[in-house]
Amino acid sequence: MDDQPSHLVLLAENQRGYKNLLKLVSLGYTEGFYYKPRIDKELLARYSDGLIALSGCLAGEVADKILNSQPDKARRSAQDYLEIFGRDRYYLELQDHGYQEQRTVNRELLKIAAELNLPLVATNDVHYLKREHADIQDVLLCIQTGKSINTPGRMKFESQEMYLKSPREMNLLFGEIPEALANTVRIAERCQVELEFGNLHLPYFTVPEGYTPASYLREKCLAGAVKRYGHCDGPVRERLDYELKVIGQMATKSIFSLSGTLFATPGSGASPWGRDAVPPPAASYLTFCRSPISTRCNTACCLSGF
């Protein structure tokens, strides 16, 4: 199994494309994960509607085959993406950060574009905003990879050209290919996606007939209290009533019931919650999402889940 998949840029052209992009990202984690989330061309073809694809940087599939002296395979790869996206949604990507490898790739991409009648687009691989931020980005890269600045052979970008360049700077690089520059703007204008902020889109758990998410969660917690403590009276009931109220205010009743179903193995210690989405611990414990906790817990602990 390949643990070094190639890069591909996907841009959402519309709402359908945005939903397909989310789907591909999710499937990359749930079905294609191997060291990193991955998708294959079959999956890409299934969810390609509304997406614009760019061939990517030197780590892109077409560029990689060019650098490995496989021009015919590079053309075959470009043809594959052309068949998936069509001629108006797949672009061969030209970049120039001063690397000789990019000049080699660009020359071959121009040939492939002419042979397959594919559009070109000029881009810059932006990793930081301004040129003077290159050293800061290098420090962050060391932190990410667990290396020091002086570590021999560590991952490092030799170029300081990976910043957000002005139209004038891009024109100096690709002025001889005006169509590639124009396509940068055309693609940006085509991407018309409206993102909704302020609303949570949580998974919905289908509860048994006759229940609401709130009533089903309460019943599960009451049953869990009896299993855990042998009763549901006094401090246990008071704590549970309070936490169910908090969960109701957080609008996480449905996803909480779902998690209780997925992690319903007593004593397993499994918890699906991250730091910023932790429901109260007693309810987690009673639905078997968490290991044992004490009912003698202050409010801060109750609200944070720690």
C-alpha atoms as a PDB file:
ATOM      1  CA  MET A   1       0.000   0.000   0.000  1.00  0.00           C
ATOM      2  CA  ASP A   2       1.357   3.421  -1.003  1.00  0.00           C
ATOM      3  CA  ASP A   3       2.132   5.564   2.049  1.00  0.00           C
ATOM      4  CA  GLN A   4       3.220   8.514  -0.143  1.00  0.00           C
ATOM      5  CA  PRO A   5       0.104   9.553  -2.065  1.00  0.00           C
ATOM      6  CA  SER A   6       0.270  12.487  -4.451  1.00  0.00           C
ATOM      7  CA  HIS A   7      -1.195  15.935  -3.903  1.00  0.00           C
ATOM      8  CA  LEU A   8      -4.231  17.366  -5.679  1.00  0.00           C
ATOM      9  CA  VAL A   9      -5.895  20.758  -5.195  1.00  0.00           C
ATOM     10  CA  LEU A  10      -9.704  20.678  -5.035  1.00  0.00           C
ATOM     11  CA  LEU A  11     -11.746  23.894  -5.012  1.00  0.00           C
ATOM     12  CA  ALA A  12     -15.479  24.067  -4.337  1.00  0.00           C
ATOM     13  CA  GLU A  13     -17.174  25.889  -7.203  1.00  0.00           C
ATOM     14  CA  ASN A  14     -20.634  25.821  -5.603  1.00  0.00           C
ATOM     15  CA  GLN A  15     -22.597  24.432  -2.670  1.00  0.00           C
ATOM     16  CA  ARG A  16     -22.733  20.944  -4.161  1.00  0.00           C
ATOM     17  CA  GLY A  17     -18.978  21.009  -4.602  1.00  0.00           C
ATOM     18  CA  TYR A  18     -18.515  22.097  -0.993  1.00  0.00           C
ATOM     19  CA  LYS A  19     -20.651  19.192   0.246  1.00  0.00           C
ATOM     20  CA  ASN A  20     -18.724  16.783  -1.978  1.00  0.00           C
ATOM     21  CA  LEU A  21     -15.445  18.183  -0.660  1.00  0.00           C
ATOM     22  CA  LEU A  22     -16.599  17.563   2.914  1.00  0.00           C
ATOM     23  CA  LYS A  23     -17.626  14.041   1.931  1.00  0.00           C
ATOM     24  CA  LEU A  24     -14.236  13.303   0.377  1.00  0.00           C
ATOM     25  CA  VAL A  25     -12.397  14.609   3.441  1.00  0.00           C
ATOM     26  CA  SER A  26     -14.560  12.469   5.733  1.00  0.00           C
ATOM     27  CA  LEU A  27     -14.081   9.340   3.626  1.00  0.00           C
ATOM     28  CA  GLY A  28     -10.354  10.019   3.456  1.00  0.00           C
ATOM     29  CA  TYR A  29     -10.261   9.672   7.238  1.00  0.00           C
ATOM     30  CA  THR A  30     -12.798   6.886   7.728  1.00  0.00           C
ATOM     31  CA  GLU A  31     -12.030   4.634   4.747  1.00  0.00           C
ATOM     32  CA  GLY A  32      -8.712   5.670   3.220  1.00  0.00           C
ATOM     33  CA  PHE A  33      -6.534   6.487   6.208  1.00  0.00           C
ATOM     34  CA  TYR A  34      -3.004   5.083   5.977  1.00  0.00           C
ATOM     35  CA  TYR A  35      -0.524   7.304   7.830  1.00  0.00           C
ATOM     36  CA  LYS A  36      -2.588  10.186   6.424  1.00  0.00           C
ATOM     37  CA  PRO A  37      -6.147  10.508   5.076  1.00  0.00           C
ATOM     38  CA  ARG A  38      -6.299   9.512   1.398  1.00  0.00           C
ATOM     39  CA  ILE A  39      -8.814   9.077  -1.399  1.00  0.00           C
ATOM     40  CA  ASP A  40      -8.538   7.254  -4.718  1.00  0.00           C
ATOM     41  CA  LYS A  41      -9.687   8.250  -8.193  1.00  0.00           C
ATOM     42  CA  GLU A  42     -12.767   6.054  -8.029  1.00  0.00           C
ATOM     43  CA  LEU A  43     -13.968   7.911  -4.953  1.00  0.00           C
ATOM     44  CA  LEU A  44     -12.946  11.230  -6.489  1.00  0.00           C
ATOM     45  CA  ALA A  45     -15.021  10.508  -9.603  1.00  0.00           C
ATOM     46  CA  ARG A  46     -18.057   9.645  -7.476  1.00  0.00           C
ATOM     47  CA  TYR A  47     -17.953  12.994  -5.672  1.00  0.00           C
ATOM     48  CA  SER A  48     -16.449  15.270  -8.338  1.00  0.00           C
ATOM     49  CA  ASP A  49     -19.532  17.364  -9.105  1.00  0.00           C
ATOM     50  CA  GLY A  50     -19.068  21.024  -8.273  1.00  0.00           C
ATOM     51  CA  LEU A  51     -15.310  20.704  -7.792  1.00  0.00           C
ATOM     52  CA  ILE A  52     -12.471  22.306  -9.733  1.00  0.00           C
ATOM     53  CA  ALA A  53      -9.175  20.399  -9.679  1.00  0.00           C
ATOM     54  CA  LEU A  54      -5.633  21.736 -10.080  1.00  0.00           C
ATOM     55  CA  SER A  55      -2.775  19.338 -10.783  1.00  0.00           C
ATOM     56  CA  GLY A  56      -0.842  20.470  -7.704  1.00  0.00           C
ATOM     57  CA  CYS A  57       2.767  21.208  -6.798  1.00  0.00           C
ATOM     58  CA  LEU A  58       5.870  19.074  -7.342  1.00  0.00           C
ATOM     59  CA  ALA A  59       4.183  16.446  -5.161  1.00  0.00           C
ATOM     60  CA  GLY A  60       1.247  16.228  -7.560  1.00  0.00           C
ATOM     61  CA  GLU A  61       0.777  13.039  -9.544  1.00  0.00           C
ATOM     62  CA  VAL A  62       1.518  14.536 -12.965  1.00  0.00           C
ATOM     63  CA  ALA A  63       4.580  16.456 -11.766  1.00  0.00           C
ATOM     64  CA  ASP A  64       5.923  13.446  -9.888  1.00  0.00           C
ATOM     65  CA  LYS A  65       5.823  11.294 -13.016  1.00  0.00           C
ATOM     66  CA  ILE A  66       7.545  14.018 -15.030  1.00  0.00           C
ATOM     67  CA  LEU A  67      10.342  14.243 -12.454  1.00  0.00           C
ATOM     68  CA  ASN A  68      10.709  10.465 -12.551  1.00  0.00           C
ATOM     69  CA  SER A  69      11.241  10.580 -16.332  1.00  0.00           C
ATOM     70  CA  GLN A  70       7.847   9.025 -17.051  1.00  0.00           C
ATOM     71  CA  PRO A  71       6.257  11.517 -19.493  1.00  0.00           C
ATOM     72  CA  ASP A  72       3.825   8.953 -20.927  1.00  0.00           C
ATOM     73  CA  LYS A  73       2.546   8.093 -17.450  1.00  0.00           C
ATOM     74  CA  ALA A  74       2.268  11.806 -16.707  1.00  0.00           C
ATOM     75  CA  ARG A  75       0.009  12.195 -19.750  1.00  0.00           C
ATOM     76  CA  ARG A  76      -2.033   9.207 -18.676  1.00  0.00           C
ATOM     77  CA  SER A  77      -2.531  10.730 -15.246  1.00  0.00           C
ATOM     78  CA  ALA A  78      -3.603  14.041 -16.752  1.00  0.00           C
ATOM     79  CA  GLN A  79      -6.005  12.155 -19.015  1.00  0.00           C
ATOM     80  CA  ASP A  80      -7.470  10.356 -15.990  1.00  0.00           C
ATOM     81  CA  TYR A  81      -8.274  13.642 -14.271  1.00  0.00           C
ATOM     82  CA  LEU A  82      -9.603  15.096 -17.511  1.00  0.00           C
ATOM     83  CA  GLU A  83     -12.068  12.204 -17.719  1.00  0.00           C
ATOM     84  CA  ILE A  84     -13.140  12.788 -14.110  1.00  0.00           C
ATOM     85  CA  PHE A  85     -13.575  16.561 -14.197  1.00  0.00           C
ATOM     86  CA  GLY A  86     -13.933  17.504 -17.836  1.00  0.00           C
ATOM     87  CA  ARG A  87     -11.974  20.126 -19.752  1.00  0.00           C
ATOM     88  CA  ASP A  88     -13.434  23.101 -17.898  1.00  0.00           C
ATOM     89  CA  ARG A  89     -12.752  21.832 -14.345  1.00  0.00           C
ATOM     90  CA  TYR A  90      -9.215  20.431 -14.523  1.00  0.00           C
ATOM     91  CA  TYR A  91      -6.182  22.724 -14.810  1.00  0.00           C
ATOM     92  CA  LEU A  92      -2.486  21.994 -15.112  1.00  0.00           C
ATOM     93  CA  GLU A  93      -0.763  24.075 -12.462  1.00  0.00           C
ATOM     94  CA  LEU A  94       2.376  26.124 -13.156  1.00  0.00           C
ATOM     95  CA  GLN A  95       4.554  27.212 -10.223  1.00  0.00           C
ATOM     96  CA  ASP A  96       7.955  28.854  -9.929  1.00  0.00           C
ATOM     97  CA  HIS A  97       9.659  29.216  -6.555  1.00  0.00           C
ATOM     98  CA  GLY A  98      13.149  29.136  -8.014  1.00  0.00           C
ATOM     99  CA  TYR A  99      13.502  25.338  -8.116  1.00  0.00           C
ATOM    100  CA  GLN A 100      15.049  23.830 -11.227  1.00  0.00           C
ATOM    101  CA  GLU A 101      12.617  20.900 -10.848  1.00  0.00           C
ATOM    102  CA  GLN A 102       9.692  23.267 -11.340  1.00  0.00           C
ATOM    103  CA  ARG A 103      11.139  24.623 -14.556  1.00  0.00           C
ATOM    104  CA  THR A 104      11.524  21.038 -15.802  1.00  0.00           C
ATOM    105  CA  VAL A 105       7.944  20.219 -14.845  1.00  0.00           C
ATOM    106  CA  ASN A 106       6.555  23.436 -16.343  1.00  0.00           C
ATOM    107  CA  ARG A 107       8.129  22.745 -19.739  1.00  0.00           C
ATOM    108  CA  GLU A 108       6.508  19.325 -19.864  1.00  0.00           C
ATOM    109  CA  LEU A 109       3.175  20.638 -18.571  1.00  0.00           C
ATOM    110  CA  LEU A 110       3.064  23.096 -21.452  1.00  0.00           C
ATOM    111  CA  LYS A 111       3.478  20.180 -23.860  1.00  0.00           C
ATOM    112  CA  ILE A 112       0.788  18.097 -22.134  1.00  0.00           C
ATOM    113  CA  ALA A 113      -1.605  21.062 -22.115  1.00  0.00           C
ATOM    114  CA  ALA A 114      -1.141  21.526 -25.864  1.00  0.00           C
ATOM    115  CA  GLU A 115      -1.536  17.813 -26.630  1.00  0.00           C
ATOM    116  CA  LEU A 116      -4.642  17.281 -24.474  1.00  0.00           C
ATOM    117  CA  ASN A 117      -6.085  20.770 -24.943  1.00  0.00           C
ATOM    118  CA  LEU A 118      -6.027  21.398 -21.195  1.00  0.00           C
ATOM    119  CA  PRO A 119      -6.121  24.837 -19.566  1.00  0.00           C
ATOM    120  CA  LEU A 120      -3.186  26.134 -17.527  1.00  0.00           C
ATOM    121  CA  VAL A 121      -3.234  28.131 -14.313  1.00  0.00           C
ATOM    122  CA  ALA A 122      -0.395  30.040 -12.644  1.00  0.00           C
ATOM    123  CA  THR A 123      -0.240  29.657  -8.860  1.00  0.00           C
ATOM    124  CA  ASN A 124       2.137  30.145  -5.959  1.00  0.00           C
ATOM    125  CA  ASP A 125       2.470  27.546  -3.202  1.00  0.00           C
ATOM    126  CA  VAL A 126       1.645  29.915  -0.346  1.00  0.00           C
ATOM    127  CA  HIS A 127       2.885  28.850   3.101  1.00  0.00           C
ATOM    128  CA  TYR A 128       3.183  32.315   4.666  1.00  0.00           C
ATOM    129  CA  LEU A 129       1.927  35.818   3.949  1.00  0.00           C
ATOM    130  CA  LYS A 130       5.126  37.800   3.336  1.00  0.00           C
ATOM    131  CA  ARG A 131       8.628  36.905   2.143  1.00  0.00           C
ATOM    132  CA  GLU A 132      10.120  37.920   5.513  1.00  0.00           C
ATOM    133  CA  HIS A 133       7.954  35.287   7.217  1.00  0.00           C
ATOM    134  CA  ALA A 134      10.005  32.450   5.690  1.00  0.00           C
ATOM    135  CA  ASP A 135      12.267  32.047   8.726  1.00  0.00           C
ATOM    136  CA  ILE A 136       9.293  31.982  11.094  1.00  0.00           C
ATOM    137  CA  GLN A 137       7.643  29.303   8.970  1.00  0.00           C
ATOM    138  CA  ASP A 138      10.877  27.305   9.112  1.00  0.00           C
ATOM    139  CA  VAL A 139      10.765  27.400  12.929  1.00  0.00           C
ATOM    140  CA  LEU A 140       7.148  26.233  12.894  1.00  0.00           C
ATOM    141  CA  LEU A 141       8.131  23.407  10.551  1.00  0.00           C
ATOM    142  CA  CYS A 142      10.789  22.329  13.061  1.00  0.00           C
ATOM    143  CA  ILE A 143       8.198  22.313  15.819  1.00  0.00           C
ATOM    144  CA  GLN A 144       5.810  20.275  13.672  1.00  0.00           C
ATOM    145  CA  THR A 145       8.444  17.652  12.794  1.00  0.00           C
ATOM    146  CA  GLY A 146      10.131  17.586  16.217  1.00  0.00           C
ATOM    147  CA  LYS A 147      13.480  18.779  14.872  1.00  0.00           C
ATOM    148  CA  SER A 148      15.802  21.660  15.675  1.00  0.00           C
ATOM    149  CA  ILE A 149      17.040  24.322  13.271  1.00  0.00           C
ATOM    150  CA  ASN A 150      20.470  22.626  13.217  1.00  0.00           C
ATOM    151  CA  THR A 151      19.234  19.050  12.670  1.00  0.00           C
ATOM    152  CA  PRO A 152      21.079  17.657   9.602  1.00  0.00           C
ATOM    153  CA  GLY A 153      18.854  16.496   6.748  1.00  0.00           C
ATOM    154  CA  ARG A 154      15.633  17.790   8.331  1.00  0.00           C
ATOM    155  CA  MET A 155      12.597  18.793   6.257  1.00  0.00           C
ATOM    156  CA  LYS A 156      13.175  22.316   5.003  1.00  0.00           C
ATOM    157  CA  PHE A 157      11.971  24.577   2.205  1.00  0.00           C
ATOM    158  CA  GLU A 158      15.037  25.915   0.448  1.00  0.00           C
ATOM    159  CA  SER A 159      13.022  28.634  -1.264  1.00  0.00           C
ATOM    160  CA  GLN A 160      11.785  31.847   0.348  1.00  0.00           C
ATOM    161  CA  GLU A 161       9.309  32.440  -2.462  1.00  0.00           C
ATOM    162  CA  MET A 162       6.320  30.676  -0.890  1.00  0.00           C
ATOM    163  CA  TYR A 163       4.461  33.827   0.099  1.00  0.00           C
ATOM    164  CA  LEU A 164       1.330  35.528  -1.216  1.00  0.00           C
ATOM    165  CA  LYS A 165       2.616  37.302  -4.312  1.00  0.00           C
ATOM    166  CA  SER A 166       1.143  40.384  -5.934  1.00  0.00           C
ATOM    167  CA  PRO A 167      -0.254  40.349  -9.494  1.00  0.00           C
ATOM    168  CA  ARG A 168       2.879  42.206 -10.598  1.00  0.00           C
ATOM    169  CA  GLU A 169       5.168  39.546  -9.095  1.00  0.00           C
ATOM    170  CA  MET A 170       3.173  36.751 -10.703  1.00  0.00           C
ATOM    171  CA  ASN A 171       3.266  38.569 -14.032  1.00  0.00           C
ATOM    172  CA  LEU A 172       7.073  38.748 -13.851  1.00  0.00           C
ATOM    173  CA  LEU A 173       7.140  34.954 -13.526  1.00  0.00           C
ATOM    174  CA  PHE A 174       4.445  33.982 -16.014  1.00  0.00           C
ATOM    175  CA  GLY A 175       3.978  37.037 -18.232  1.00  0.00           C
ATOM    176  CA  GLU A 176       4.723  34.930 -21.295  1.00  0.00           C
ATOM    177  CA  ILE A 177       1.699  32.754 -20.500  1.00  0.00           C
ATOM    178  CA  PRO A 178      -1.066  35.347 -19.973  1.00  0.00           C
ATOM    179  CA  GLU A 179      -3.827  32.768 -20.203  1.00  0.00           C
ATOM    180  CA  ALA A 180      -2.452  30.978 -17.148  1.00  0.00           C
ATOM    181  CA  LEU A 181      -2.525  34.253 -15.191  1.00  0.00           C
ATOM    182  CA  ALA A 182      -6.039  35.087 -16.369  1.00  0.00           C
ATOM    183  CA  ASN A 183      -7.283  31.665 -15.318  1.00  0.00           C
ATOM    184  CA  THR A 184      -6.224  32.379 -11.735  1.00  0.00           C
ATOM    185  CA  VAL A 185      -8.816  35.155 -11.583  1.00  0.00           C
ATOM    186  CA  ARG A 186     -11.422  33.198 -13.567  1.00  0.00           C
ATOM    187  CA  ILE A 187     -11.235  30.266 -11.165  1.00  0.00           C
ATOM    188  CA  ALA A 188     -11.567  32.573  -8.159  1.00  0.00           C
ATOM    189  CA  GLU A 189     -14.647  34.189  -9.695  1.00  0.00           C
ATOM    190  CA  ARG A 190     -16.203  30.792 -10.367  1.00  0.00           C
ATOM    191  CA  CYS A 191     -15.917  29.680  -6.745  1.00  0.00           C
ATOM    192  CA  GLN A 192     -19.198  30.952  -5.296  1.00  0.00           C
ATOM    193  CA  VAL A 193     -19.752  29.127  -2.021  1.00  0.00           C
ATOM    194  CA  GLU A 194     -21.706  30.581   0.885  1.00  0.00           C
ATOM    195  CA  LEU A 195     -20.610  29.302   4.277  1.00  0.00           C
ATOM    196  CA  GLU A 196     -23.070  29.380   7.135  1.00  0.00           C
ATOM    197  CA  PHE A 197     -21.507  30.462  10.404  1.00  0.00           C
ATOM    198  CA  GLY A 198     -22.936  30.322  13.899  1.00  0.00           C
ATOM    199  CA  ASN A 199     -24.879  27.079  13.527  1.00  0.00           C
ATOM    200  CA  LEU A 200     -23.747  23.634  14.653  1.00  0.00           C
ATOM    201  CA  HIS A 201     -24.341  20.738  12.283  1.00  0.00           C
ATOM    202  CA  LEU A 202     -24.204  17.717  14.561  1.00  0.00           C
ATOM    203  CA  PRO A 203     -24.943  14.100  13.605  1.00  0.00           C
ATOM    204  CA  TYR A 204     -28.540  13.094  14.279  1.00  0.00           C
ATOM    205  CA  PHE A 205     -29.178   9.933  16.250  1.00  0.00           C
ATOM    206  CA  THR A 206     -32.478   8.166  15.484  1.00  0.00           C
ATOM    207  CA  VAL A 207     -34.081   7.329  18.819  1.00  0.00           C
ATOM    208  CA  PRO A 208     -36.622   4.519  19.297  1.00  0.00           C
ATOM    209  CA  GLU A 209     -40.260   5.289  18.578  1.00  0.00           C
ATOM    210  CA  GLY A 210     -41.976   7.217  21.319  1.00  0.00           C
ATOM    211  CA  TYR A 211     -38.815   8.998  22.483  1.00  0.00           C
ATOM    212  CA  THR A 212     -37.262  12.374  21.902  1.00  0.00           C
ATOM    213  CA  PRO A 213     -33.450  12.685  22.051  1.00  0.00           C
ATOM    214  CA  ALA A 214     -33.810  14.256  25.509  1.00  0.00           C
ATOM    215  CA  SER A 215     -36.151  11.611  26.930  1.00  0.00           C
ATOM    216  CA  TYR A 216     -34.106   8.750  25.490  1.00  0.00           C
ATOM    217  CA  LEU A 217     -30.892  10.142  26.949  1.00  0.00           C
ATOM    218  CA  ARG A 218     -32.563  10.573  30.344  1.00  0.00           C
ATOM    219  CA  GLU A 219     -33.784   6.978  30.332  1.00  0.00           C
ATOM    220  CA  LYS A 220     -30.342   5.680  29.373  1.00  0.00           C
ATOM    221  CA  CYS A 221     -28.752   7.725  32.166  1.00  0.00           C
ATOM    222  CA  LEU A 222     -31.279   6.550  34.760  1.00  0.00           C
ATOM    223  CA  ALA A 223     -30.680   2.937  33.765  1.00  0.00           C
ATOM    224  CA  GLY A 224     -26.948   3.537  33.838  1.00  0.00           C
ATOM    225  CA  ALA A 225     -27.151   5.037  37.320  1.00  0.00           C
ATOM    226  CA  VAL A 226     -28.805   1.911  38.640  1.00  0.00           C
ATOM    227  CA  LYS A 227     -26.127  -0.275  37.015  1.00  0.00           C
ATOM    228  CA  ARG A 228     -23.294   1.909  38.261  1.00  0.00           C
ATOM    229  CA  TYR A 229     -24.499   2.819  41.742  1.00  0.00           C
ATOM    230  CA  GLY A 230     -27.377   0.421  42.450  1.00  0.00           C
ATOM    231  CA  HIS A 231     -29.768   3.375  42.782  1.00  0.00           C
ATOM    232  CA  CYS A 232     -30.537   6.813  41.395  1.00  0.00           C
ATOM    233  CA  ASP A 233     -31.296   8.838  44.505  1.00  0.00           C
ATOM    234  CA  GLY A 234     -29.838  11.733  46.449  1.00  0.00           C
ATOM    235  CA  PRO A 235     -26.613  13.270  45.119  1.00  0.00           C
ATOM    236  CA  VAL A 236     -26.595  10.954  42.085  1.00  0.00           C
ATOM    237  CA  ARG A 237     -30.037  12.135  40.953  1.00  0.00           C
ATOM    238  CA  GLU A 238     -29.258  15.784  41.699  1.00  0.00           C
ATOM    239  CA  ARG A 239     -26.031  15.608  39.722  1.00  0.00           C
ATOM    240  CA  LEU A 240     -27.709  13.829  36.827  1.00  0.00           C
ATOM    241  CA  ASP A 241     -30.620  16.287  36.624  1.00  0.00           C
ATOM    242  CA  TYR A 242     -28.195  19.199  36.559  1.00  0.00           C
ATOM    243  CA  GLU A 243     -26.001  17.711  33.860  1.00  0.00           C
ATOM    244  CA  LEU A 244     -28.912  16.727  31.650  1.00  0.00           C
ATOM    245  CA  LYS A 245     -30.002  20.355  31.860  1.00  0.00           C
ATOM    246  CA  VAL A 246     -26.525  21.461  30.755  1.00  0.00           C
ATOM    247  CA  ILE A 247     -26.546  18.982  27.870  1.00  0.00           C
ATOM    248  CA  GLY A 248     -29.940  20.300  26.784  1.00  0.00           C
ATOM    249  CA  GLN A 249     -28.585  23.830  26.719  1.00  0.00           C
ATOM    250  CA  MET A 250     -25.617  22.642  24.617  1.00  0.00           C
ATOM    251  CA  ALA A 251     -27.983  21.073  22.051  1.00  0.00           C
ATOM    252  CA  THR A 252     -25.897  17.888  22.054  1.00  0.00           C
ATOM    253  CA  LYS A 253     -28.584  15.419  23.193  1.00  0.00           C
ATOM    254  CA  SER A 254     -28.656  13.541  19.912  1.00  0.00           C
ATOM    255  CA  ILE A 255     -24.899  13.230  19.407  1.00  0.00           C
ATOM    256  CA  PHE A 256     -24.512  12.286  23.085  1.00  0.00           C
ATOM    257  CA  SER A 257     -26.952   9.397  22.696  1.00  0.00           C
ATOM    258  CA  LEU A 258     -25.084   8.317  19.568  1.00  0.00           C
ATOM    259  CA  SER A 259     -21.778   8.304  21.426  1.00  0.00           C
ATOM    260  CA  GLY A 260     -23.306   6.337  24.276  1.00  0.00           C
ATOM    261  CA  THR A 261     -24.368   3.694  21.773  1.00  0.00           C
ATOM    262  CA  LEU A 262     -20.990   3.547  20.022  1.00  0.00           C
ATOM    263  CA  PHE A 263     -19.005   3.401  23.262  1.00  0.00           C
ATOM    264  CA  ALA A 264     -21.327   1.278  25.382  1.00  0.00           C
ATOM    265  CA  THR A 265     -18.660  -1.057  26.790  1.00  0.00           C
ATOM    266  CA  PRO A 266     -18.494  -0.631  30.593  1.00  0.00           C
ATOM    267  CA  GLY A 267     -14.989  -0.072  31.904  1.00  0.00           C
ATOM    268  CA  SER A 268     -13.430   0.336  28.486  1.00  0.00           C
ATOM    269  CA  GLY A 269     -12.354   3.886  29.296  1.00  0.00           C
ATOM    270  CA  ALA A 270     -13.155   4.956  25.752  1.00  0.00           C
ATOM    271  CA  SER A 271     -14.179   8.559  25.270  1.00  0.00           C
ATOM    272  CA  PRO A 272     -15.072  10.163  21.925  1.00  0.00           C
ATOM    273  CA  TRP A 273     -14.949  13.724  23.214  1.00  0.00           C
ATOM    274  CA  GLY A 274     -12.283  16.283  22.461  1.00  0.00           C
ATOM    275  CA  ARG A 275     -11.331  19.128  24.803  1.00  0.00           C
ATOM    276  CA  ASP A 276     -13.759  21.620  23.301  1.00  0.00           C
ATOM    277  CA  ALA A 277     -16.772  19.314  23.099  1.00  0.00           C
ATOM    278  CA  VAL A 278     -16.803  17.455  26.403  1.00  0.00           C
ATOM    279  CA  PRO A 279     -20.247  16.946  27.955  1.00  0.00           C
ATOM    280  CA  PRO A 280     -20.522  16.625  31.741  1.00  0.00           C
ATOM    281  CA  PRO A 281     -18.738  13.587  33.201  1.00  0.00           C
ATOM    282  CA  ALA A 282     -21.584  11.972  35.127  1.00  0.00           C
ATOM    283  CA  ALA A 283     -23.752  11.673  32.027  1.00  0.00           C
ATOM    284  CA  SER A 284     -20.720  10.335  30.113  1.00  0.00           C
ATOM    285  CA  TYR A 285     -20.138   7.790  32.836  1.00  0.00           C
ATOM    286  CA  LEU A 286     -23.757   6.681  33.009  1.00  0.00           C
ATOM    287  CA  THR A 287     -23.980   6.182  29.243  1.00  0.00           C
ATOM    288  CA  PHE A 288     -20.672   4.274  29.433  1.00  0.00           C
ATOM    289  CA  CYS A 289     -18.651   6.834  27.496  1.00  0.00           C
ATOM    290  CA  ARG A 290     -16.275   7.321  30.432  1.00  0.00           C
ATOM    291  CA  SER A 291     -14.601   5.467  33.257  1.00  0.00           C
ATOM    292  CA  PRO A 292     -15.798   5.905  36.892  1.00  0.00           C
ATOM    293  CA  ILE A 293     -16.056   9.407  38.371  1.00  0.00           C
ATOM    294  CA  SER A 294     -17.085  10.735  41.735  1.00  0.00           C
ATOM    295  CA  THR A 295     -20.356  12.562  42.317  1.00  0.00           C
ATOM    296  CA  ARG A 296     -18.429  14.935  44.604  1.00  0.00           C
ATOM    297  CA  CYS A 297     -17.282  17.240  41.844  1.00  0.00           C
ATOM    298  CA  ASN A 298     -17.283  21.014  41.602  1.00  0.00           C
ATOM    299  CA  THR A 299     -19.049  22.946  38.882  1.00  0.00           C
ATOM    300  CA  ALA A 300     -15.907  23.643  36.868  1.00  0.00           C
ATOM    301  CA  CYS A 301     -15.128  19.953  36.669  1.00  0.00           C
ATOM    302  CA  CYS A 302     -18.715  19.203  35.794  1.00  0.00           C
ATOM    303  CA  LEU A 303     -18.785  21.644  32.916  1.00  0.00           C
ATOM    304  CA  SER A 304     -15.372  20.813  31.498  1.00  0.00           C
ATOM    305  CA  GLY A 305     -15.558  17.041  31.686  1.00  0.00           C
ATOM    306  CA  PHE A 306     -12.199  16.744  33.508  1.00  0.00           C
END
